[in-house]
Amino acid sequence: MLIAVRWAGSHSNAQTGEKNRQIRIKFFMSPEPDVGELGGLLDDRRALDDLFSAAYEELRRLAARVRRDDPSATLSPTALVNEAWLKLESSTWVARTSRAHFKRIAARAMRQVLIEAARRRQAAKRGGDVAIVTFDDAITDGTAFADDLLELDRALEDLSRLQPRQAALVESRFFGGFGIGETAELLEISESTALRDWRAAKAWLARELRSAKTNRH
């Protein structure tokens, strides 16, 4: 599935600080990711807070750079998360965690970056340059805009209440670029179970998104 969102300009430092605070609250209050699934690092709440903030800011910077360099360029969450890892792997916040744990946290941060962009576009209700976001795996074919991304986010929130593990799997794959094997290892399940969860989650989300699209029109 292709998601097209219009990228807005940067916020002031004060606005960014407050937004980061709200993001961190949402991150900790959300049912996913499960603290137990992210290993020893998550025993230290402050370390997780710093790591999430570092990933969020770097992903936001990278996405803005892509938008600035080429307004018509495709944003790939997988590519951005991998680039963020290369940039941050030796930093204080990231050096003590594994690449897989970083990607899991970065997947949540990447989701937040894209949802904020979609909300800005929806609120603006006016023209501008379009940034195309391409997910490696598709729920449905075709191109969608900000409304579709927000509907996907809402559907994932619903799924997290019904099937938290499936929601974590989808978020990791869509927004973090995880393969089935990587996701299975992170969630401590077999690859066959991960594949079964993936198929079930995609089918459920596809139904929810079709229903949301029908109601919207």
Protein backbone atom coordinates (compact mmCIF):
# COMPACT_ATOMS: atom_id res chain seq x y z
CA MET A 1 0.00 0.00 0.00
CA LEU A 2 1.23 3.48 -0.82
CA ILE A 3 0.47 6.22 1.66
CA ALA A 4 0.75 9.80 0.49
CA VAL A 5 0.99 12.51 3.12
CA ARG A 6 1.79 16.18 2.76
CA TRP A 7 4.81 17.12 4.83
CA ALA A 8 4.51 20.27 6.95
CA GLY A 9 7.32 22.48 8.17
CA SER A 10 9.26 22.08 11.42
CA HIS A 11 7.96 23.18 14.81
CA SER A 12 9.61 25.57 17.21
CA ASN A 13 11.83 24.15 19.95
CA ALA A 14 9.15 24.74 22.58
CA GLN A 15 6.49 23.05 20.49
CA THR A 16 8.82 20.15 19.74
CA GLY A 17 9.64 19.70 23.43
CA GLU A 18 5.98 19.59 24.41
CA LYS A 19 5.17 17.25 21.51
CA ASN A 20 7.98 14.91 22.57
CA ARG A 21 6.56 14.85 26.10
CA GLN A 22 3.12 13.91 24.77
CA ILE A 23 4.61 11.29 22.46
CA ARG A 24 6.48 9.65 25.32
CA ILE A 25 3.31 9.54 27.42
CA LYS A 26 1.43 7.89 24.56
CA PHE A 27 4.29 5.45 24.05
CA PHE A 28 4.29 4.29 27.66
CA MET A 29 0.51 4.16 28.01
CA SER A 30 -0.03 2.19 24.79
CA PRO A 31 -0.52 -1.58 25.12
CA GLU A 32 2.40 -2.10 22.71
CA PRO A 33 5.28 -2.53 22.74
CA ASP A 34 5.17 -4.82 25.77
CA VAL A 35 7.97 -3.89 28.16
CA GLY A 36 8.84 -7.55 28.67
CA GLU A 37 9.42 -8.02 24.95
CA LEU A 38 12.16 -5.45 24.65
CA GLY A 39 14.65 -7.06 27.00
CA GLY A 40 16.85 -5.65 29.75
CA LEU A 41 17.00 -2.12 28.37
CA LEU A 42 13.36 -1.59 29.21
CA ASP A 43 14.02 -2.15 32.91
CA ASP A 44 15.41 1.37 32.77
CA ARG A 45 12.51 3.68 31.97
CA ARG A 46 14.76 6.67 31.52
CA ALA A 47 16.90 4.79 29.00
CA LEU A 48 13.83 3.90 26.97
CA ASP A 49 12.61 7.48 27.10
CA ASP A 50 15.96 8.76 25.82
CA LEU A 51 16.15 6.10 23.13
CA PHE A 52 12.65 6.77 21.84
CA SER A 53 13.27 10.53 21.78
CA ALA A 54 16.56 10.06 19.92
CA ALA A 55 14.93 7.78 17.34
CA TYR A 56 11.96 10.12 16.90
CA GLU A 57 14.07 13.23 16.37
CA GLU A 58 16.45 11.49 13.96
CA LEU A 59 13.61 10.00 11.91
CA ARG A 60 11.83 13.34 11.80
CA ARG A 61 15.05 15.00 10.63
CA LEU A 62 15.69 12.37 7.95
CA ALA A 63 12.13 12.56 6.63
CA ALA A 64 12.31 16.37 6.49
CA ARG A 65 15.61 16.12 4.60
CA VAL A 66 14.06 13.82 1.99
CA ARG A 67 11.16 16.24 1.62
CA ARG A 68 13.51 19.20 1.30
CA ASP A 69 15.82 17.57 -1.24
CA ASP A 70 13.04 16.24 -3.47
CA PRO A 71 9.39 17.09 -2.71
CA SER A 72 8.22 14.23 -4.95
CA ALA A 73 10.52 11.58 -3.44
CA THR A 74 9.19 8.40 -1.87
CA LEU A 75 9.57 8.04 1.89
CA SER A 76 10.35 4.48 2.92
CA PRO A 77 9.97 3.72 6.65
CA THR A 78 12.34 0.76 6.23
CA ALA A 79 15.05 2.89 4.65
CA LEU A 80 14.65 5.70 7.17
CA VAL A 81 14.79 3.37 10.18
CA ASN A 82 17.91 1.67 8.81
CA GLU A 83 19.54 5.03 8.15
CA ALA A 84 18.66 6.21 11.65
CA TRP A 85 20.32 3.10 13.11
CA LEU A 86 23.52 3.75 11.15
CA LYS A 87 23.56 7.35 12.37
CA LEU A 88 22.78 6.61 16.02
CA GLU A 89 24.31 3.19 16.71
CA SER A 90 27.38 4.64 18.42
CA SER A 91 25.45 7.24 20.43
CA THR A 92 24.98 7.08 24.19
CA TRP A 93 21.29 6.19 23.88
CA VAL A 94 21.69 3.40 21.32
CA ALA A 95 25.09 1.81 21.97
CA ARG A 96 23.77 -0.36 24.81
CA THR A 97 20.91 -1.93 22.87
CA SER A 98 20.69 -4.30 19.92
CA ARG A 99 19.78 -3.36 16.38
CA ALA A 100 16.53 -5.35 16.69
CA HIS A 101 15.47 -3.54 19.88
CA PHE A 102 16.34 -0.19 18.33
CA LYS A 103 14.28 -0.99 15.24
CA ARG A 104 11.29 -1.98 17.39
CA ILE A 105 11.36 1.34 19.21
CA ALA A 106 12.10 3.21 15.96
CA ALA A 107 9.07 1.57 14.36
CA ARG A 108 6.85 3.24 16.96
CA ALA A 109 8.67 6.53 16.44
CA MET A 110 8.34 6.22 12.66
CA ARG A 111 4.63 5.59 13.01
CA GLN A 112 4.32 8.72 15.14
CA VAL A 113 6.26 10.84 12.63
CA LEU A 114 3.98 9.76 9.77
CA ILE A 115 0.76 10.14 11.76
CA GLU A 116 1.72 13.67 12.77
CA ALA A 117 2.39 14.53 9.13
CA ALA A 118 -1.00 13.13 8.14
CA ARG A 119 -2.75 15.11 10.86
CA ARG A 120 -1.06 18.33 9.76
CA ARG A 121 -2.16 17.69 6.21
CA GLN A 122 -5.71 16.93 7.27
CA ALA A 123 -5.85 20.07 9.42
CA ALA A 124 -4.40 22.30 6.67
CA LYS A 125 -6.94 21.27 4.01
CA ARG A 126 -4.93 22.98 1.32
CA GLY A 127 -2.46 22.11 -1.44
CA GLY A 128 1.30 21.68 -1.32
CA ASP A 129 4.01 19.20 -2.09
CA VAL A 130 3.18 15.53 -1.62
CA ALA A 131 5.52 13.01 0.01
CA ILE A 132 4.74 9.39 -0.91
CA VAL A 133 5.27 6.82 1.85
CA THR A 134 5.76 3.27 0.61
CA PHE A 135 5.29 0.30 2.93
CA ASP A 136 7.23 -2.83 2.03
CA ASP A 137 4.14 -5.02 2.52
CA ALA A 138 0.70 -3.99 1.36
CA ILE A 139 -2.73 -4.50 2.90
CA THR A 140 -4.41 -3.21 -0.24
CA ASP A 141 -3.11 -2.05 -3.58
CA GLY A 142 -3.05 1.55 -4.71
CA THR A 143 -2.28 4.98 -3.37
CA ALA A 144 -3.85 6.65 -0.36
CA PHE A 145 -3.63 10.03 1.33
CA ALA A 146 -3.58 11.34 4.88
CA ASP A 147 -7.05 10.05 5.75
CA ASP A 148 -6.01 6.51 4.87
CA LEU A 149 -2.93 6.66 7.08
CA LEU A 150 -5.00 7.94 9.99
CA GLU A 151 -7.51 5.14 9.44
CA LEU A 152 -4.69 2.61 9.49
CA ASP A 153 -3.47 4.09 12.78
CA ARG A 154 -6.95 3.86 14.30
CA ALA A 155 -7.35 0.28 13.07
CA LEU A 156 -4.00 -0.65 14.61
CA GLU A 157 -5.10 0.86 17.93
CA ASP A 158 -8.23 -1.30 17.80
CA LEU A 159 -6.20 -4.36 16.90
CA SER A 160 -3.82 -3.71 19.82
CA ARG A 161 -6.76 -4.05 22.20
CA LEU A 162 -7.98 -7.26 20.57
CA GLN A 163 -4.69 -8.92 19.59
CA PRO A 164 -1.70 -7.03 21.05
CA ARG A 165 0.89 -9.37 19.57
CA GLN A 166 -0.57 -9.07 16.09
CA ALA A 167 -0.59 -5.28 16.38
CA ALA A 168 3.04 -5.28 17.50
CA LEU A 169 3.93 -7.51 14.56
CA VAL A 170 2.22 -5.25 12.03
CA GLU A 171 3.77 -2.11 13.48
CA SER A 172 7.23 -3.70 13.42
CA ARG A 173 6.85 -4.80 9.81
CA PHE A 174 5.15 -1.72 8.37
CA PHE A 175 7.00 0.99 10.23
CA GLY A 176 10.28 -0.75 11.15
CA GLY A 177 10.96 -2.92 8.12
CA PHE A 178 11.15 -6.16 10.12
CA GLY A 179 11.13 -9.47 8.28
CA ILE A 180 9.07 -12.38 9.56
CA GLY A 181 12.15 -14.03 11.09
CA GLU A 182 13.24 -10.84 12.88
CA THR A 183 9.74 -10.25 14.22
CA ALA A 184 9.41 -13.82 15.45
CA GLU A 185 12.72 -13.55 17.30
CA LEU A 186 11.80 -10.23 18.89
CA LEU A 187 8.37 -11.43 20.01
CA GLU A 188 9.80 -14.79 21.10
CA ILE A 189 7.48 -16.87 18.93
CA SER A 190 8.09 -19.32 16.10
CA GLU A 191 8.27 -18.13 12.50
CA SER A 192 5.19 -20.19 11.66
CA THR A 193 3.26 -18.45 14.45
CA ALA A 194 4.52 -15.05 13.29
CA LEU A 195 3.46 -15.81 9.72
CA ARG A 196 0.04 -16.97 10.89
CA ASP A 197 -0.38 -13.82 12.99
CA TRP A 198 0.75 -11.67 10.07
CA ARG A 199 -1.81 -13.16 7.68
CA ALA A 200 -4.60 -12.88 10.24
CA ALA A 201 -3.71 -9.28 11.09
CA LYS A 202 -3.51 -8.22 7.44
CA ALA A 203 -6.89 -9.76 6.70
CA TRP A 204 -8.47 -8.06 9.73
CA LEU A 205 -6.94 -4.68 8.88
CA ALA A 206 -7.99 -4.95 5.24
CA ARG A 207 -11.60 -5.46 6.30
CA GLU A 208 -11.45 -2.54 8.72
CA LEU A 209 -9.91 -0.22 6.12
CA ARG A 210 -12.45 -1.19 3.47
CA SER A 211 -15.24 -0.49 5.94
CA ALA A 212 -13.70 2.87 6.92
CA LYS A 213 -13.32 3.86 3.27
CA THR A 214 -16.92 2.93 2.53
CA ASN A 215 -18.19 4.96 5.50
CA ARG A 216 -16.04 7.93 4.51
CA HIS A 217 -17.67 8.07 1.10
